[in-house]
Amino acid sequence: MPRAFSSGKDVRLTASMADSIAELKKQLEEQEEINVTCQRWFFSGKLLTDKTRLQDAKIQKDFVVQVIVNMNPPVIAN
């Protein structure tokens, strides 16, 4: 449903309005092999949290969501 841009690439994902960003991150990981921890999703200039649902952010079919990919995520020490 929404289109995600990653490194200038146009990627289309299948989604319902009830899907969360976390679910879509997993879908993008499966489709493009981009780890979910490396993805930051933005819509209308705002960072989308994992719990945000498409309906909450008013993201509709064919709207563009920007995905920033950090290929070197920070290492969390235990």
Protein backbone atom coordinates (compact mmCIF):
# COMPACT_ATOMS: atom_id res chain seq x y z
CA MET A 1 0.00 0.00 0.00
CA PRO A 2 2.42 2.79 1.00
CA ARG A 3 5.56 3.32 -1.00
CA ALA A 4 8.85 3.36 0.88
CA PHE A 5 11.98 5.04 -0.41
CA SER A 6 15.29 3.56 0.64
CA SER A 7 18.49 4.87 -0.94
CA GLY A 8 16.44 6.42 -3.73
CA LYS A 9 14.78 3.10 -4.56
CA ASP A 10 11.00 3.02 -4.90
CA VAL A 11 9.62 0.02 -2.98
CA ARG A 12 5.94 -0.85 -2.68
CA LEU A 13 4.64 -2.71 0.35
CA THR A 14 1.33 -4.50 0.84
CA ALA A 15 -0.37 -3.18 3.95
CA SER A 16 -3.69 -2.47 5.60
CA MET A 17 -4.58 0.70 7.45
CA ALA A 18 -4.37 -1.23 10.75
CA ASP A 19 -0.72 -2.26 10.17
CA SER A 20 1.92 -0.80 12.45
CA ILE A 21 5.25 0.63 11.35
CA ALA A 22 6.95 -2.29 13.15
CA GLU A 23 5.06 -4.73 10.92
CA LEU A 24 6.01 -2.80 7.81
CA LYS A 25 9.66 -2.65 8.89
CA LYS A 26 9.64 -6.45 9.06
CA GLN A 27 8.07 -6.63 5.62
CA LEU A 28 10.74 -4.30 4.22
CA GLU A 29 13.43 -6.42 5.89
CA GLU A 30 12.07 -9.57 4.21
CA GLN A 31 11.72 -7.87 0.83
CA GLU A 32 14.93 -5.80 0.71
CA GLU A 33 17.13 -7.41 3.40
CA ILE A 34 17.38 -4.20 5.42
CA ASN A 35 17.54 -4.97 9.15
CA VAL A 36 14.67 -3.37 11.10
CA THR A 37 17.17 -1.79 13.52
CA CYS A 38 18.67 0.13 10.58
CA GLN A 39 15.35 1.63 9.44
CA ARG A 40 13.88 4.99 10.45
CA TRP A 41 10.52 5.82 8.88
CA PHE A 42 9.28 9.38 8.25
CA PHE A 43 6.01 10.74 6.93
CA SER A 44 5.20 14.40 6.42
CA GLY A 45 8.44 15.35 8.17
CA LYS A 46 7.68 13.36 11.32
CA LEU A 47 9.46 10.29 12.67
CA LEU A 48 7.07 7.32 12.85
CA THR A 49 7.36 5.09 15.91
CA ASP A 50 7.07 1.32 15.70
CA LYS A 51 3.66 1.43 17.42
CA THR A 52 2.21 3.96 14.97
CA ARG A 53 -0.45 2.49 12.69
CA LEU A 54 -0.98 3.73 9.14
CA GLN A 55 -4.47 4.95 10.07
CA ASP A 56 -3.07 6.96 13.02
CA ALA A 57 -0.62 8.79 10.75
CA LYS A 58 -3.28 9.15 8.00
CA ILE A 59 -1.04 7.35 5.49
CA GLN A 60 -3.18 6.24 2.58
CA LYS A 61 -2.68 4.16 -0.54
CA ASP A 62 0.15 5.43 -2.77
CA PHE A 63 1.36 7.95 -0.19
CA VAL A 64 5.15 8.11 0.03
CA VAL A 65 6.94 7.27 3.26
CA GLN A 66 10.64 8.06 3.51
CA VAL A 67 12.86 5.36 5.00
CA ILE A 68 16.30 6.39 6.18
CA VAL A 69 18.68 3.45 6.34
CA ASN A 70 21.64 3.54 8.73
CA MET A 71 23.96 0.79 7.53
CA ASN A 72 26.10 1.11 10.70
CA PRO A 73 23.65 1.08 13.62
CA PRO A 74 25.10 1.85 17.07
CA VAL A 75 26.32 -1.12 19.05
CA ILE A 76 24.58 -1.51 22.41
CA ALA A 77 26.90 -2.85 25.08
CA ASN A 78 25.47 -5.08 27.79
